[in-house]
């Protein structure tokens, strides 16, 4: 949305360049449920 209206942006056939940040990940004992699930699905 800008001052003149809104536009639908389709995600199909898109390339994204996004600003990133480093995320601190604590020990597994202190990990959130989301992180536990993430690690369980990604053994590497």
ModelCIF file with pLDDT and N, C-alpha, C, O atoms, coordinates in Angstrom:
data_MODEL
#
_entry.id   MODEL 
#
_entity.id                         1 
_entity.type                       polymer 
_entity.pdbx_number_of_molecules   1 
#
_entity_poly.entity_id                      1 
_entity_poly.type                           'polypeptide(L)' 
_entity_poly.nstd_linkage                   no 
_entity_poly.nstd_monomer                   no 
_entity_poly.pdbx_seq_one_letter_code       
;(UNK)(UNK)(UNK)(UNK)(UNK)(UNK)(UNK)(UNK)(UNK)(UNK)(UNK)(UNK)(UNK)(UNK)(UNK)(UNK)
(UNK)(UNK)(UNK)(UNK)(UNK)(UNK)(UNK)(UNK)(UNK)(UNK)(UNK)(UNK)(UNK)(UNK)(UNK)(UNK)
(UNK)(UNK)(UNK)(UNK)(UNK)(UNK)(UNK)(UNK)(UNK)(UNK)(UNK)(UNK)
;
_entity_poly.pdbx_seq_one_letter_code_can   XXXXXXXXXXXXXXXXXXXXXXXXXXXXXXXXXXXXXXXXXXXX 
_entity_poly.pdbx_strand_id                 A 
#
loop_
_entity_poly_seq.entity_id 
_entity_poly_seq.num 
_entity_poly_seq.mon_id 
_entity_poly_seq.hetero 
1 1  UNK n 
1 2  UNK n 
1 3  UNK n 
1 4  UNK n 
1 5  UNK n 
1 6  UNK n 
1 7  UNK n 
1 8  UNK n 
1 9  UNK n 
1 10 UNK n 
1 11 UNK n 
1 12 UNK n 
1 13 UNK n 
1 14 UNK n 
1 15 UNK n 
1 16 UNK n 
1 17 UNK n 
1 18 UNK n 
1 19 UNK n 
1 20 UNK n 
1 21 UNK n 
1 22 UNK n 
1 23 UNK n 
1 24 UNK n 
1 25 UNK n 
1 26 UNK n 
1 27 UNK n 
1 28 UNK n 
1 29 UNK n 
1 30 UNK n 
1 31 UNK n 
1 32 UNK n 
1 33 UNK n 
1 34 UNK n 
1 35 UNK n 
1 36 UNK n 
1 37 UNK n 
1 38 UNK n 
1 39 UNK n 
1 40 UNK n 
1 41 UNK n 
1 42 UNK n 
1 43 UNK n 
1 44 UNK n 
#
_struct_asym.id          A 
_struct_asym.entity_id   1 
#
loop_
_ma_qa_metric.id 
_ma_qa_metric.mode 
_ma_qa_metric.name 
_ma_qa_metric.software_group_id 
_ma_qa_metric.type 
1 global pLDDT . pLDDT 
2 local  pLDDT . pLDDT 
#
_ma_qa_metric_global.metric_id      1 
_ma_qa_metric_global.metric_value   81.30 
_ma_qa_metric_global.model_id       1 
_ma_qa_metric_global.ordinal_id     1 
#
loop_
_ma_qa_metric_local.label_asym_id 
_ma_qa_metric_local.label_comp_id 
_ma_qa_metric_local.label_seq_id 
_ma_qa_metric_local.metric_id 
_ma_qa_metric_local.metric_value 
_ma_qa_metric_local.model_id 
_ma_qa_metric_local.ordinal_id 
A UNK 1  2 95.00 1 1  
A UNK 2  2 95.00 1 2  
A UNK 3  2 95.00 1 3  
A UNK 4  2 94.00 1 4  
A UNK 5  2 91.00 1 5  
A UNK 6  2 92.00 1 6  
A UNK 7  2 95.00 1 7  
A UNK 8  2 96.00 1 8  
A UNK 9  2 97.00 1 9  
A UNK 10 2 96.00 1 10 
A UNK 11 2 95.00 1 11 
A UNK 12 2 93.00 1 12 
A UNK 13 2 93.00 1 13 
A UNK 14 2 94.00 1 14 
A UNK 15 2 93.00 1 15 
A UNK 16 2 94.00 1 16 
A UNK 17 2 90.00 1 17 
A UNK 18 2 90.00 1 18 
A UNK 19 2 88.00 1 19 
A UNK 20 2 83.00 1 20 
A UNK 21 2 83.00 1 21 
A UNK 22 2 82.00 1 22 
A UNK 23 2 80.00 1 23 
A UNK 24 2 73.00 1 24 
A UNK 25 2 70.00 1 25 
A UNK 26 2 56.00 1 26 
A UNK 27 2 49.00 1 27 
A UNK 28 2 45.00 1 28 
A UNK 29 2 48.00 1 29 
A UNK 30 2 46.00 1 30 
A UNK 31 2 52.00 1 31 
A UNK 32 2 69.00 1 32 
A UNK 33 2 75.00 1 33 
A UNK 34 2 74.00 1 34 
A UNK 35 2 76.00 1 35 
A UNK 36 2 75.00 1 36 
A UNK 37 2 81.00 1 37 
A UNK 38 2 81.00 1 38 
A UNK 39 2 79.00 1 39 
A UNK 40 2 82.00 1 40 
A UNK 41 2 84.00 1 41 
A UNK 42 2 86.00 1 42 
A UNK 43 2 85.00 1 43 
A UNK 44 2 87.00 1 44 
#
loop_
_atom_site.group_PDB 
_atom_site.id 
_atom_site.type_symbol 
_atom_site.label_atom_id 
_atom_site.label_alt_id 
_atom_site.label_comp_id 
_atom_site.label_asym_id 
_atom_site.label_entity_id 
_atom_site.label_seq_id 
_atom_site.pdbx_PDB_ins_code 
_atom_site.Cartn_x 
_atom_site.Cartn_y 
_atom_site.Cartn_z 
_atom_site.occupancy 
_atom_site.B_iso_or_equiv 
_atom_site.pdbx_formal_charge 
_atom_site.auth_seq_id 
_atom_site.auth_comp_id 
_atom_site.auth_asym_id 
_atom_site.auth_atom_id 
_atom_site.pdbx_PDB_model_num 
ATOM 1   N N  . UNK A 1 1  ? 0.833  -1.196  0.000  1.00 95.00 ? 1  UNK A N  1 
ATOM 2   C CA . UNK A 1 1  ? 0.000  0.000   0.000  1.00 95.00 ? 1  UNK A CA 1 
ATOM 3   C C  . UNK A 1 1  ? 0.866  1.244   0.000  1.00 95.00 ? 1  UNK A C  1 
ATOM 4   O O  . UNK A 1 1  ? 1.787  1.368   0.807  1.00 95.00 ? 1  UNK A O  1 
ATOM 5   N N  . UNK A 1 2  ? 0.567  2.181   -0.919 1.00 95.00 ? 2  UNK A N  1 
ATOM 6   C CA . UNK A 1 2  ? 1.176  3.505   -0.855 1.00 95.00 ? 2  UNK A CA 1 
ATOM 7   C C  . UNK A 1 2  ? 0.056  4.540   -0.742 1.00 95.00 ? 2  UNK A C  1 
ATOM 8   O O  . UNK A 1 2  ? -1.092 4.178   -0.486 1.00 95.00 ? 2  UNK A O  1 
ATOM 9   N N  . UNK A 1 3  ? 0.379  5.827   -0.930 1.00 95.00 ? 3  UNK A N  1 
ATOM 10  C CA . UNK A 1 3  ? -0.623 6.882   -0.736 1.00 95.00 ? 3  UNK A CA 1 
ATOM 11  C C  . UNK A 1 3  ? -1.724 6.821   -1.786 1.00 95.00 ? 3  UNK A C  1 
ATOM 12  O O  . UNK A 1 3  ? -2.773 7.440   -1.612 1.00 95.00 ? 3  UNK A O  1 
ATOM 13  N N  . UNK A 1 4  ? -1.500 6.078   -2.884 1.00 94.00 ? 4  UNK A N  1 
ATOM 14  C CA . UNK A 1 4  ? -2.463 6.082   -3.986 1.00 94.00 ? 4  UNK A CA 1 
ATOM 15  C C  . UNK A 1 4  ? -3.284 4.811   -4.097 1.00 94.00 ? 4  UNK A C  1 
ATOM 16  O O  . UNK A 1 4  ? -4.227 4.763   -4.886 1.00 94.00 ? 4  UNK A O  1 
ATOM 17  N N  . UNK A 1 5  ? -2.960 3.791   -3.339 1.00 91.00 ? 5  UNK A N  1 
ATOM 18  C CA . UNK A 1 5  ? -3.738 2.560   -3.437 1.00 91.00 ? 5  UNK A CA 1 
ATOM 19  C C  . UNK A 1 5  ? -2.978 1.338   -2.973 1.00 91.00 ? 5  UNK A C  1 
ATOM 20  O O  . UNK A 1 5  ? -1.911 1.431   -2.365 1.00 91.00 ? 5  UNK A O  1 
ATOM 21  N N  . UNK A 1 6  ? -3.561 0.177   -3.280 1.00 92.00 ? 6  UNK A N  1 
ATOM 22  C CA . UNK A 1 6  ? -2.961 -1.102  -2.907 1.00 92.00 ? 6  UNK A CA 1 
ATOM 23  C C  . UNK A 1 6  ? -2.722 -1.948  -4.145 1.00 92.00 ? 6  UNK A C  1 
ATOM 24  O O  . UNK A 1 6  ? -3.398 -1.795  -5.162 1.00 92.00 ? 6  UNK A O  1 
ATOM 25  N N  . UNK A 1 7  ? -1.748 -2.844  -4.040 1.00 95.00 ? 7  UNK A N  1 
ATOM 26  C CA . UNK A 1 7  ? -1.441 -3.772  -5.121 1.00 95.00 ? 7  UNK A CA 1 
ATOM 27  C C  . UNK A 1 7  ? -1.231 -5.162  -4.547 1.00 95.00 ? 7  UNK A C  1 
ATOM 28  O O  . UNK A 1 7  ? -0.583 -5.322  -3.512 1.00 95.00 ? 7  UNK A O  1 
ATOM 29  N N  . UNK A 1 8  ? -1.774 -6.163  -5.215 1.00 96.00 ? 8  UNK A N  1 
ATOM 30  C CA . UNK A 1 8  ? -1.529 -7.554  -4.858 1.00 96.00 ? 8  UNK A CA 1 
ATOM 31  C C  . UNK A 1 8  ? -0.205 -7.982  -5.483 1.00 96.00 ? 8  UNK A C  1 
ATOM 32  O O  . UNK A 1 8  ? -0.005 -7.813  -6.686 1.00 96.00 ? 8  UNK A O  1 
ATOM 33  N N  . UNK A 1 9  ? 0.688  -8.528  -4.685 1.00 97.00 ? 9  UNK A N  1 
ATOM 34  C CA . UNK A 1 9  ? 1.984  -9.005  -5.175 1.00 97.00 ? 9  UNK A CA 1 
ATOM 35  C C  . UNK A 1 9  ? 1.958  -10.528 -5.153 1.00 97.00 ? 9  UNK A C  1 
ATOM 36  O O  . UNK A 1 9  ? 1.807  -11.135 -4.092 1.00 97.00 ? 9  UNK A O  1 
ATOM 37  N N  . UNK A 1 10 ? 2.106  -11.143 -6.322 1.00 96.00 ? 10 UNK A N  1 
ATOM 38  C CA . UNK A 1 10 ? 2.093  -12.594 -6.408 1.00 96.00 ? 10 UNK A CA 1 
ATOM 39  C C  . UNK A 1 10 ? 3.463  -13.160 -6.050 1.00 96.00 ? 10 UNK A C  1 
ATOM 40  O O  . UNK A 1 10 ? 4.493  -12.641 -6.483 1.00 96.00 ? 10 UNK A O  1 
ATOM 41  N N  . UNK A 1 11 ? 3.464  -14.216 -5.264 1.00 95.00 ? 11 UNK A N  1 
ATOM 42  C CA . UNK A 1 11 ? 4.717  -14.829 -4.824 1.00 95.00 ? 11 UNK A CA 1 
ATOM 43  C C  . UNK A 1 11 ? 5.254  -15.846 -5.827 1.00 95.00 ? 11 UNK A C  1 
ATOM 44  O O  . UNK A 1 11 ? 6.441  -16.169 -5.809 1.00 95.00 ? 11 UNK A O  1 
ATOM 45  N N  . UNK A 1 12 ? 4.380  -16.354 -6.706 1.00 93.00 ? 12 UNK A N  1 
ATOM 46  C CA . UNK A 1 12 ? 4.848  -17.291 -7.725 1.00 93.00 ? 12 UNK A CA 1 
ATOM 47  C C  . UNK A 1 12 ? 5.815  -16.575 -8.655 1.00 93.00 ? 12 UNK A C  1 
ATOM 48  O O  . UNK A 1 12 ? 5.593  -15.416 -9.005 1.00 93.00 ? 12 UNK A O  1 
ATOM 49  N N  . UNK A 1 13 ? 6.876  -17.245 -9.056 1.00 93.00 ? 13 UNK A N  1 
ATOM 50  C CA . UNK A 1 13 ? 7.892  -16.645 -9.929 1.00 93.00 ? 13 UNK A CA 1 
ATOM 51  C C  . UNK A 1 13 ? 8.441  -15.352 -9.322 1.00 93.00 ? 13 UNK A C  1 
ATOM 52  O O  . UNK A 1 13 ? 8.417  -14.296 -9.953 1.00 93.00 ? 13 UNK A O  1 
ATOM 53  N N  . UNK A 1 14 ? 8.930  -15.454 -8.096 1.00 94.00 ? 14 UNK A N  1 
ATOM 54  C CA . UNK A 1 14 ? 9.493  -14.276 -7.427 1.00 94.00 ? 14 UNK A CA 1 
ATOM 55  C C  . UNK A 1 14 ? 10.880 -14.587 -6.875 1.00 94.00 ? 14 UNK A C  1 
ATOM 56  O O  . UNK A 1 14 ? 11.223 -15.737 -6.601 1.00 94.00 ? 14 UNK A O  1 
ATOM 57  N N  . UNK A 1 15 ? 11.668 -13.517 -6.720 1.00 93.00 ? 15 UNK A N  1 
ATOM 58  C CA . UNK A 1 15 ? 12.981 -13.582 -6.088 1.00 93.00 ? 15 UNK A CA 1 
ATOM 59  C C  . UNK A 1 15 ? 13.016 -12.531 -4.996 1.00 93.00 ? 15 UNK A C  1 
ATOM 60  O O  . UNK A 1 15 ? 12.662 -11.375 -5.230 1.00 93.00 ? 15 UNK A O  1 
ATOM 61  N N  . UNK A 1 16 ? 13.444 -12.928 -3.795 1.00 94.00 ? 16 UNK A N  1 
ATOM 62  C CA . UNK A 1 16 ? 13.440 -12.002 -2.667 1.00 94.00 ? 16 UNK A CA 1 
ATOM 63  C C  . UNK A 1 16 ? 14.846 -11.798 -2.131 1.00 94.00 ? 16 UNK A C  1 
ATOM 64  O O  . UNK A 1 16 ? 15.600 -12.751 -1.936 1.00 94.00 ? 16 UNK A O  1 
ATOM 65  N N  . UNK A 1 17 ? 15.185 -10.524 -1.896 1.00 90.00 ? 17 UNK A N  1 
ATOM 66  C CA . UNK A 1 17 ? 16.448 -10.152 -1.261 1.00 90.00 ? 17 UNK A CA 1 
ATOM 67  C C  . UNK A 1 17 ? 16.073 -9.452  0.036  1.00 90.00 ? 17 UNK A C  1 
ATOM 68  O O  . UNK A 1 17 ? 15.624 -8.306  0.011  1.00 90.00 ? 17 UNK A O  1 
ATOM 69  N N  . UNK A 1 18 ? 16.248 -10.113 1.152  1.00 90.00 ? 18 UNK A N  1 
ATOM 70  C CA . UNK A 1 18 ? 15.743 -9.588  2.416  1.00 90.00 ? 18 UNK A CA 1 
ATOM 71  C C  . UNK A 1 18 ? 16.866 -9.322  3.408  1.00 90.00 ? 18 UNK A C  1 
ATOM 72  O O  . UNK A 1 18 ? 17.868 -10.035 3.438  1.00 90.00 ? 18 UNK A O  1 
ATOM 73  N N  . UNK A 1 19 ? 16.682 -8.281  4.222  1.00 88.00 ? 19 UNK A N  1 
ATOM 74  C CA . UNK A 1 19 ? 17.634 -7.977  5.285  1.00 88.00 ? 19 UNK A CA 1 
ATOM 75  C C  . UNK A 1 19 ? 17.553 -9.049  6.356  1.00 88.00 ? 19 UNK A C  1 
ATOM 76  O O  . UNK A 1 19 ? 16.459 -9.436  6.765  1.00 88.00 ? 19 UNK A O  1 
ATOM 77  N N  . UNK A 1 20 ? 18.700 -9.532  6.813  1.00 83.00 ? 20 UNK A N  1 
ATOM 78  C CA . UNK A 1 20 ? 18.724 -10.630 7.775  1.00 83.00 ? 20 UNK A CA 1 
ATOM 79  C C  . UNK A 1 20 ? 19.331 -10.188 9.098  1.00 83.00 ? 20 UNK A C  1 
ATOM 80  O O  . UNK A 1 20 ? 19.949 -9.127  9.189  1.00 83.00 ? 20 UNK A O  1 
ATOM 81  N N  . UNK A 1 21 ? 19.148 -11.008 10.111 1.00 83.00 ? 21 UNK A N  1 
ATOM 82  C CA . UNK A 1 21 ? 19.791 -10.786 11.399 1.00 83.00 ? 21 UNK A CA 1 
ATOM 83  C C  . UNK A 1 21 ? 20.219 -12.128 11.973 1.00 83.00 ? 21 UNK A C  1 
ATOM 84  O O  . UNK A 1 21 ? 19.597 -13.160 11.722 1.00 83.00 ? 21 UNK A O  1 
ATOM 85  N N  . UNK A 1 22 ? 21.291 -12.091 12.747 1.00 82.00 ? 22 UNK A N  1 
ATOM 86  C CA . UNK A 1 22 ? 21.752 -13.318 13.375 1.00 82.00 ? 22 UNK A CA 1 
ATOM 87  C C  . UNK A 1 22 ? 20.922 -13.580 14.618 1.00 82.00 ? 22 UNK A C  1 
ATOM 88  O O  . UNK A 1 22 ? 20.725 -12.687 15.442 1.00 82.00 ? 22 UNK A O  1 
ATOM 89  N N  . UNK A 1 23 ? 20.437 -14.804 14.749 1.00 80.00 ? 23 UNK A N  1 
ATOM 90  C CA . UNK A 1 23 ? 19.576 -15.182 15.861 1.00 80.00 ? 23 UNK A CA 1 
ATOM 91  C C  . UNK A 1 23 ? 20.375 -16.019 16.845 1.00 80.00 ? 23 UNK A C  1 
ATOM 92  O O  . UNK A 1 23 ? 20.986 -17.020 16.469 1.00 80.00 ? 23 UNK A O  1 
ATOM 93  N N  . UNK A 1 24 ? 20.368 -15.614 18.090 1.00 73.00 ? 24 UNK A N  1 
ATOM 94  C CA . UNK A 1 24 ? 21.044 -16.377 19.128 1.00 73.00 ? 24 UNK A CA 1 
ATOM 95  C C  . UNK A 1 24 ? 20.170 -17.570 19.517 1.00 73.00 ? 24 UNK A C  1 
ATOM 96  O O  . UNK A 1 24 ? 19.000 -17.408 19.862 1.00 73.00 ? 24 UNK A O  1 
ATOM 97  N N  . UNK A 1 25 ? 20.740 -18.746 19.459 1.00 70.00 ? 25 UNK A N  1 
ATOM 98  C CA . UNK A 1 25 ? 20.025 -19.960 19.825 1.00 70.00 ? 25 UNK A CA 1 
ATOM 99  C C  . UNK A 1 25 ? 20.678 -20.543 21.070 1.00 70.00 ? 25 UNK A C  1 
ATOM 100 O O  . UNK A 1 25 ? 21.862 -20.878 21.060 1.00 70.00 ? 25 UNK A O  1 
ATOM 101 N N  . UNK A 1 26 ? 19.898 -20.664 22.143 1.00 56.00 ? 26 UNK A N  1 
ATOM 102 C CA . UNK A 1 26 ? 20.451 -21.132 23.405 1.00 56.00 ? 26 UNK A CA 1 
ATOM 103 C C  . UNK A 1 26 ? 20.619 -22.638 23.447 1.00 56.00 ? 26 UNK A C  1 
ATOM 104 O O  . UNK A 1 26 ? 20.416 -23.327 22.447 1.00 56.00 ? 26 UNK A O  1 
ATOM 105 N N  . UNK A 1 27 ? 20.991 -23.140 24.614 1.00 49.00 ? 27 UNK A N  1 
ATOM 106 C CA . UNK A 1 27 ? 21.125 -24.576 24.803 1.00 49.00 ? 27 UNK A CA 1 
ATOM 107 C C  . UNK A 1 27 ? 19.776 -25.255 24.640 1.00 49.00 ? 27 UNK A C  1 
ATOM 108 O O  . UNK A 1 27 ? 18.727 -24.638 24.829 1.00 49.00 ? 27 UNK A O  1 
ATOM 109 N N  . UNK A 1 28 ? 19.816 -26.519 24.292 1.00 45.00 ? 28 UNK A N  1 
ATOM 110 C CA . UNK A 1 28 ? 18.575 -27.242 24.037 1.00 45.00 ? 28 UNK A CA 1 
ATOM 111 C C  . UNK A 1 28 ? 17.661 -27.263 25.254 1.00 45.00 ? 28 UNK A C  1 
ATOM 112 O O  . UNK A 1 28 ? 16.440 -27.322 25.106 1.00 45.00 ? 28 UNK A O  1 
ATOM 113 N N  . UNK A 1 29 ? 18.227 -27.216 26.444 1.00 48.00 ? 29 UNK A N  1 
ATOM 114 C CA . UNK A 1 29 ? 17.394 -27.243 27.649 1.00 48.00 ? 29 UNK A CA 1 
ATOM 115 C C  . UNK A 1 29 ? 16.563 -25.971 27.774 1.00 48.00 ? 29 UNK A C  1 
ATOM 116 O O  . UNK A 1 29 ? 15.475 -25.990 28.348 1.00 48.00 ? 29 UNK A O  1 
ATOM 117 N N  . UNK A 1 30 ? 17.080 -24.859 27.232 1.00 46.00 ? 30 UNK A N  1 
ATOM 118 C CA . UNK A 1 30 ? 16.371 -23.586 27.319 1.00 46.00 ? 30 UNK A CA 1 
ATOM 119 C C  . UNK A 1 30 ? 15.592 -23.265 26.046 1.00 46.00 ? 30 UNK A C  1 
ATOM 120 O O  . UNK A 1 30 ? 14.971 -22.207 25.955 1.00 46.00 ? 30 UNK A O  1 
ATOM 121 N N  . UNK A 1 31 ? 15.618 -24.155 25.074 1.00 52.00 ? 31 UNK A N  1 
ATOM 122 C CA . UNK A 1 31 ? 15.027 -23.871 23.773 1.00 52.00 ? 31 UNK A CA 1 
ATOM 123 C C  . UNK A 1 31 ? 13.504 -23.785 23.861 1.00 52.00 ? 31 UNK A C  1 
ATOM 124 O O  . UNK A 1 31 ? 12.869 -24.454 24.677 1.00 52.00 ? 31 UNK A O  1 
ATOM 125 N N  . UNK A 1 32 ? 12.944 -22.947 23.002 1.00 69.00 ? 32 UNK A N  1 
ATOM 126 C CA . UNK A 1 32 ? 11.493 -22.841 22.927 1.00 69.00 ? 32 UNK A CA 1 
ATOM 127 C C  . UNK A 1 32 ? 10.930 -24.083 22.252 1.00 69.00 ? 32 UNK A C  1 
ATOM 128 O O  . UNK A 1 32 ? 11.654 -24.861 21.632 1.00 69.00 ? 32 UNK A O  1 
ATOM 129 N N  . UNK A 1 33 ? 9.632  -24.245 22.390 1.00 75.00 ? 33 UNK A N  1 
ATOM 130 C CA . UNK A 1 33 ? 8.979  -25.381 21.742 1.00 75.00 ? 33 UNK A CA 1 
ATOM 131 C C  . UNK A 1 33 ? 9.134  -25.298 20.228 1.00 75.00 ? 33 UNK A C  1 
ATOM 132 O O  . UNK A 1 33 ? 9.275  -26.320 19.557 1.00 75.00 ? 33 UNK A O  1 
ATOM 133 N N  . UNK A 1 34 ? 9.108  -24.062 19.686 1.00 74.00 ? 34 UNK A N  1 
ATOM 134 C CA . UNK A 1 34 ? 9.286  -23.889 18.252 1.00 74.00 ? 34 UNK A CA 1 
ATOM 135 C C  . UNK A 1 34 ? 10.658 -24.382 17.808 1.00 74.00 ? 34 UNK A C  1 
ATOM 136 O O  . UNK A 1 34 ? 10.779 -25.056 16.785 1.00 74.00 ? 34 UNK A O  1 
ATOM 137 N N  . UNK A 1 35 ? 11.710 -24.039 18.593 1.00 76.00 ? 35 UNK A N  1 
ATOM 138 C CA . UNK A 1 35 ? 13.059 -24.476 18.236 1.00 76.00 ? 35 UNK A CA 1 
ATOM 139 C C  . UNK A 1 35 ? 13.198 -25.981 18.392 1.00 76.00 ? 35 UNK A C  1 
ATOM 140 O O  . UNK A 1 35 ? 13.854 -26.629 17.576 1.00 76.00 ? 35 UNK A O  1 
ATOM 141 N N  . UNK A 1 36 ? 12.600 -26.533 19.410 1.00 75.00 ? 36 UNK A N  1 
ATOM 142 C CA . UNK A 1 36 ? 12.652 -27.988 19.595 1.00 75.00 ? 36 UNK A CA 1 
ATOM 143 C C  . UNK A 1 36 ? 12.042 -28.707 18.382 1.00 75.00 ? 36 UNK A C  1 
ATOM 144 O O  . UNK A 1 36 ? 12.596 -29.687 17.886 1.00 75.00 ? 36 UNK A O  1 
ATOM 145 N N  . UNK A 1 37 ? 10.901 -28.206 17.920 1.00 81.00 ? 37 UNK A N  1 
ATOM 146 C CA . UNK A 1 37 ? 10.250 -28.810 16.766 1.00 81.00 ? 37 UNK A CA 1 
ATOM 147 C C  . UNK A 1 37 ? 11.108 -28.643 15.519 1.00 81.00 ? 37 UNK A C  1 
ATOM 148 O O  . UNK A 1 37 ? 11.210 -29.551 14.694 1.00 81.00 ? 37 UNK A O  1 
ATOM 149 N N  . UNK A 1 38 ? 11.720 -27.472 15.393 1.00 81.00 ? 38 UNK A N  1 
ATOM 150 C CA . UNK A 1 38 ? 12.585 -27.210 14.240 1.00 81.00 ? 38 UNK A CA 1 
ATOM 151 C C  . UNK A 1 38 ? 13.754 -28.195 14.202 1.00 81.00 ? 38 UNK A C  1 
ATOM 152 O O  . UNK A 1 38 ? 14.048 -28.774 13.156 1.00 81.00 ? 38 UNK A O  1 
ATOM 153 N N  . UNK A 1 39 ? 14.411 -28.382 15.333 1.00 79.00 ? 39 UNK A N  1 
ATOM 154 C CA . UNK A 1 39 ? 15.559 -29.283 15.386 1.00 79.00 ? 39 UNK A CA 1 
ATOM 155 C C  . UNK A 1 39 ? 15.148 -30.735 15.168 1.00 79.00 ? 39 UNK A C  1 
ATOM 156 O O  . UNK A 1 39 ? 15.869 -31.506 14.536 1.00 79.00 ? 39 UNK A O  1 
ATOM 157 N N  . UNK A 1 40 ? 13.982 -31.098 15.696 1.00 82.00 ? 40 UNK A N  1 
ATOM 158 C CA . UNK A 1 40 ? 13.521 -32.475 15.538 1.00 82.00 ? 40 UNK A CA 1 
ATOM 159 C C  . UNK A 1 40 ? 13.302 -32.829 14.075 1.00 82.00 ? 40 UNK A C  1 
ATOM 160 O O  . UNK A 1 40 ? 13.472 -33.982 13.678 1.00 82.00 ? 40 UNK A O  1 
ATOM 161 N N  . UNK A 1 41 ? 12.922 -31.831 13.268 1.00 84.00 ? 41 UNK A N  1 
ATOM 162 C CA . UNK A 1 41 ? 12.653 -32.071 11.850 1.00 84.00 ? 41 UNK A CA 1 
ATOM 163 C C  . UNK A 1 41 ? 13.883 -31.903 10.979 1.00 84.00 ? 41 UNK A C  1 
ATOM 164 O O  . UNK A 1 41 ? 13.841 -32.209 9.788  1.00 84.00 ? 41 UNK A O  1 
ATOM 165 N N  . UNK A 1 42 ? 14.982 -31.419 11.552 1.00 86.00 ? 42 UNK A N  1 
ATOM 166 C CA . UNK A 1 42 ? 16.186 -31.129 10.768 1.00 86.00 ? 42 UNK A CA 1 
ATOM 167 C C  . UNK A 1 42 ? 17.406 -31.647 11.527 1.00 86.00 ? 42 UNK A C  1 
ATOM 168 O O  . UNK A 1 42 ? 18.085 -30.900 12.232 1.00 86.00 ? 42 UNK A O  1 
ATOM 169 N N  . UNK A 1 43 ? 17.657 -32.909 11.368 1.00 85.00 ? 43 UNK A N  1 
ATOM 170 C CA . UNK A 1 43 ? 18.698 -33.564 12.159 1.00 85.00 ? 43 UNK A CA 1 
ATOM 171 C C  . UNK A 1 43 ? 20.084 -33.006 11.871 1.00 85.00 ? 43 UNK A C  1 
ATOM 172 O O  . UNK A 1 43 ? 20.955 -33.035 12.741 1.00 85.00 ? 43 UNK A O  1 
ATOM 173 N N  . UNK A 1 44 ? 20.301 -32.492 10.647 1.00 87.00 ? 44 UNK A N  1 
ATOM 174 C CA . UNK A 1 44 ? 21.629 -31.981 10.314 1.00 87.00 ? 44 UNK A CA 1 
ATOM 175 C C  . UNK A 1 44 ? 21.996 -30.793 11.210 1.00 87.00 ? 44 UNK A C  1 
ATOM 176 O O  . UNK A 1 44 ? 23.083 -30.230 11.074 1.00 87.00 ? 44 UNK A O  1 
#
